[in-house]
């Protein structure tokens, strides 16, 4: 089962430490915890993963590889807008093109992992 974990890491040093830890754990156990996609803020994540793009990912996971036009039809959306969303999702690695030109989600599971914490007064 191929898994992607999406997280928010405001601290770039913490993000690098987390990536290093994942790499070391995978090397020691010879078992990967899956791929990771990190954003620096909730706003950055929601710019990429808008509600329509989440719908697109969910639909692709349920129907499997399909053409851009076929996907747009099943989503009842304009082909050009679906194509624009796919370009962004492909750039981020959430969607990929197959050899025959179709699009698909390469993950069985996509897990979002983040906390929103209150700021404490100093």
C-alpha atoms as a PDB file:
ATOM      1  CA  UNK A   1       0.000   0.000   0.000  1.00  0.00           C
ATOM      2  CA  UNK A   2       1.487   3.330  -1.069  1.00  0.00           C
ATOM      3  CA  UNK A   3       0.889   6.205   1.357  1.00  0.00           C
ATOM      4  CA  UNK A   4       1.374   9.979   1.250  1.00  0.00           C
ATOM      5  CA  UNK A   5       1.420  12.051   4.433  1.00  0.00           C
ATOM      6  CA  UNK A   6       0.627  15.751   4.087  1.00  0.00           C
ATOM      7  CA  UNK A   7       1.807  17.994   6.903  1.00  0.00           C
ATOM      8  CA  UNK A   8       2.368  21.609   7.841  1.00  0.00           C
ATOM      9  CA  UNK A   9       5.817  22.549   9.138  1.00  0.00           C
ATOM     10  CA  UNK A  10       6.180  26.269   9.845  1.00  0.00           C
ATOM     11  CA  UNK A  11       9.791  25.776  10.909  1.00  0.00           C
ATOM     12  CA  UNK A  12      11.979  24.838   7.934  1.00  0.00           C
ATOM     13  CA  UNK A  13      14.663  23.405  10.236  1.00  0.00           C
ATOM     14  CA  UNK A  14      12.043  21.148  11.830  1.00  0.00           C
ATOM     15  CA  UNK A  15      10.885  20.086   8.369  1.00  0.00           C
ATOM     16  CA  UNK A  16      14.447  19.120   7.428  1.00  0.00           C
ATOM     17  CA  UNK A  17      14.871  17.191  10.688  1.00  0.00           C
ATOM     18  CA  UNK A  18      11.619  15.327  10.020  1.00  0.00           C
ATOM     19  CA  UNK A  19      12.718  14.405   6.487  1.00  0.00           C
ATOM     20  CA  UNK A  20      16.084  13.225   7.821  1.00  0.00           C
ATOM     21  CA  UNK A  21      14.386  11.148  10.510  1.00  0.00           C
ATOM     22  CA  UNK A  22      12.092   9.526   7.935  1.00  0.00           C
ATOM     23  CA  UNK A  23      15.109   8.713   5.748  1.00  0.00           C
ATOM     24  CA  UNK A  24      17.093   7.199   8.640  1.00  0.00           C
ATOM     25  CA  UNK A  25      14.084   5.176   9.850  1.00  0.00           C
ATOM     26  CA  UNK A  26      13.535   3.829   6.336  1.00  0.00           C
ATOM     27  CA  UNK A  27      17.219   2.908   6.013  1.00  0.00           C
ATOM     28  CA  UNK A  28      17.275   1.143   9.396  1.00  0.00           C
ATOM     29  CA  UNK A  29      14.045  -0.788   8.955  1.00  0.00           C
ATOM     30  CA  UNK A  30      14.215  -1.123   5.172  1.00  0.00           C
ATOM     31  CA  UNK A  31      10.593  -0.054   5.248  1.00  0.00           C
ATOM     32  CA  UNK A  32       9.396   3.371   4.181  1.00  0.00           C
ATOM     33  CA  UNK A  33       6.577   5.136   5.996  1.00  0.00           C
ATOM     34  CA  UNK A  34       5.566   6.467   2.607  1.00  0.00           C
ATOM     35  CA  UNK A  35       6.061   9.762   0.860  1.00  0.00           C
ATOM     36  CA  UNK A  36       5.681  13.154   2.522  1.00  0.00           C
ATOM     37  CA  UNK A  37       4.409  16.485   1.246  1.00  0.00           C
ATOM     38  CA  UNK A  38       5.063  19.440   3.548  1.00  0.00           C
ATOM     39  CA  UNK A  39       3.656  22.951   3.480  1.00  0.00           C
ATOM     40  CA  UNK A  40       4.923  25.965   5.425  1.00  0.00           C
ATOM     41  CA  UNK A  41       1.453  27.148   6.478  1.00  0.00           C
ATOM     42  CA  UNK A  42      -2.223  26.185   6.360  1.00  0.00           C
ATOM     43  CA  UNK A  43      -2.756  28.947   3.784  1.00  0.00           C
ATOM     44  CA  UNK A  44      -0.086  27.442   1.513  1.00  0.00           C
ATOM     45  CA  UNK A  45      -1.680  24.012   1.844  1.00  0.00           C
ATOM     46  CA  UNK A  46      -5.178  25.298   1.092  1.00  0.00           C
ATOM     47  CA  UNK A  47      -3.922  27.207  -1.969  1.00  0.00           C
ATOM     48  CA  UNK A  48      -2.744  23.913  -3.449  1.00  0.00           C
ATOM     49  CA  UNK A  49      -5.393  21.623  -1.984  1.00  0.00           C
ATOM     50  CA  UNK A  50      -8.580  23.577  -2.617  1.00  0.00           C
ATOM     51  CA  UNK A  51     -11.956  21.846  -2.132  1.00  0.00           C
ATOM     52  CA  UNK A  52     -12.293  21.282  -5.894  1.00  0.00           C
ATOM     53  CA  UNK A  53      -8.832  19.718  -6.038  1.00  0.00           C
ATOM     54  CA  UNK A  54      -9.672  17.440  -3.085  1.00  0.00           C
ATOM     55  CA  UNK A  55     -12.812  16.387  -4.981  1.00  0.00           C
ATOM     56  CA  UNK A  56     -10.681  15.726  -8.060  1.00  0.00           C
ATOM     57  CA  UNK A  57      -8.243  13.564  -6.067  1.00  0.00           C
ATOM     58  CA  UNK A  58     -11.085  11.620  -4.421  1.00  0.00           C
ATOM     59  CA  UNK A  59     -12.779  11.022  -7.770  1.00  0.00           C
ATOM     60  CA  UNK A  60      -9.538   9.827  -9.380  1.00  0.00           C
ATOM     61  CA  UNK A  61      -8.928   7.455  -6.471  1.00  0.00           C
ATOM     62  CA  UNK A  62     -12.406   5.979  -6.890  1.00  0.00           C
ATOM     63  CA  UNK A  63     -12.502   5.660 -10.698  1.00  0.00           C
ATOM     64  CA  UNK A  64      -8.839   4.909 -11.344  1.00  0.00           C
ATOM     65  CA  UNK A  65      -6.807   6.140 -14.322  1.00  0.00           C
ATOM     66  CA  UNK A  66      -8.825   8.174 -16.809  1.00  0.00           C
ATOM     67  CA  UNK A  67      -8.495  10.891 -19.416  1.00  0.00           C
ATOM     68  CA  UNK A  68      -8.629  14.555 -18.480  1.00  0.00           C
ATOM     69  CA  UNK A  69     -11.815  14.950 -20.497  1.00  0.00           C
ATOM     70  CA  UNK A  70     -13.390  11.905 -18.844  1.00  0.00           C
ATOM     71  CA  UNK A  71     -12.439  13.187 -15.403  1.00  0.00           C
ATOM     72  CA  UNK A  72     -13.910  16.617 -16.166  1.00  0.00           C
ATOM     73  CA  UNK A  73     -17.120  14.927 -17.297  1.00  0.00           C
ATOM     74  CA  UNK A  74     -17.428  12.851 -14.098  1.00  0.00           C
ATOM     75  CA  UNK A  75     -16.777  15.972 -11.996  1.00  0.00           C
ATOM     76  CA  UNK A  76     -19.189  18.054 -14.108  1.00  0.00           C
ATOM     77  CA  UNK A  77     -16.450  20.667 -14.539  1.00  0.00           C
ATOM     78  CA  UNK A  78     -14.869  22.540 -17.432  1.00  0.00           C
ATOM     79  CA  UNK A  79     -12.003  20.599 -19.066  1.00  0.00           C
ATOM     80  CA  UNK A  80      -9.682  23.631 -19.000  1.00  0.00           C
ATOM     81  CA  UNK A  81     -10.182  24.156 -15.242  1.00  0.00           C
ATOM     82  CA  UNK A  82      -9.644  20.462 -14.520  1.00  0.00           C
ATOM     83  CA  UNK A  83      -6.483  20.550 -16.632  1.00  0.00           C
ATOM     84  CA  UNK A  84      -5.203  23.586 -14.688  1.00  0.00           C
ATOM     85  CA  UNK A  85      -5.848  21.796 -11.386  1.00  0.00           C
ATOM     86  CA  UNK A  86      -4.145  18.651 -12.666  1.00  0.00           C
ATOM     87  CA  UNK A  87      -1.009  20.578 -13.664  1.00  0.00           C
ATOM     88  CA  UNK A  88      -0.654  21.846 -10.070  1.00  0.00           C
ATOM     89  CA  UNK A  89      -1.374  18.422  -8.559  1.00  0.00           C
ATOM     90  CA  UNK A  90       1.081  16.724 -10.932  1.00  0.00           C
ATOM     91  CA  UNK A  91       3.751  19.314 -10.029  1.00  0.00           C
ATOM     92  CA  UNK A  92       3.225  18.439  -6.339  1.00  0.00           C
ATOM     93  CA  UNK A  93       3.296  14.685  -6.984  1.00  0.00           C
ATOM     94  CA  UNK A  94      -0.316  14.067  -5.927  1.00  0.00           C
ATOM     95  CA  UNK A  95      -1.318  12.979  -9.437  1.00  0.00           C
ATOM     96  CA  UNK A  96       0.726  11.447 -12.231  1.00  0.00           C
ATOM     97  CA  UNK A  97       0.316  10.697 -15.921  1.00  0.00           C
ATOM     98  CA  UNK A  98       0.308   7.111 -17.115  1.00  0.00           C
ATOM     99  CA  UNK A  99       2.189   5.960 -20.211  1.00  0.00           C
ATOM    100  CA  UNK A 100      -1.034   6.098 -22.218  1.00  0.00           C
ATOM    101  CA  UNK A 101      -1.698   9.738 -21.239  1.00  0.00           C
ATOM    102  CA  UNK A 102      -4.302   9.151 -18.559  1.00  0.00           C
ATOM    103  CA  UNK A 103      -4.062  10.636 -15.077  1.00  0.00           C
ATOM    104  CA  UNK A 104      -4.092   8.763 -11.790  1.00  0.00           C
ATOM    105  CA  UNK A 105      -3.423   9.161  -8.082  1.00  0.00           C
ATOM    106  CA  UNK A 106      -0.345   7.054  -7.266  1.00  0.00           C
ATOM    107  CA  UNK A 107      -1.355   6.622  -3.605  1.00  0.00           C
ATOM    108  CA  UNK A 108      -3.713   4.175  -1.938  1.00  0.00           C
ATOM    109  CA  UNK A 109      -3.870   6.402   1.145  1.00  0.00           C
ATOM    110  CA  UNK A 110      -3.413  10.157   1.543  1.00  0.00           C
ATOM    111  CA  UNK A 111      -3.125  11.178   5.186  1.00  0.00           C
ATOM    112  CA  UNK A 112      -3.187  14.794   6.396  1.00  0.00           C
ATOM    113  CA  UNK A 113      -1.345  15.336   9.682  1.00  0.00           C
ATOM    114  CA  UNK A 114      -1.199  18.776  11.283  1.00  0.00           C
ATOM    115  CA  UNK A 115      -2.129  20.683  14.408  1.00  0.00           C
ATOM    116  CA  UNK A 116      -3.454  24.211  14.714  1.00  0.00           C
ATOM    117  CA  UNK A 117      -2.246  25.612  18.024  1.00  0.00           C
ATOM    118  CA  UNK A 118      -3.160  28.757  19.923  1.00  0.00           C
ATOM    119  CA  UNK A 119      -0.370  31.275  20.440  1.00  0.00           C
ATOM    120  CA  UNK A 120       0.476  31.808  24.087  1.00  0.00           C
ATOM    121  CA  UNK A 121       1.176  35.290  25.427  1.00  0.00           C
ATOM    122  CA  UNK A 122       4.783  35.779  26.553  1.00  0.00           C
END
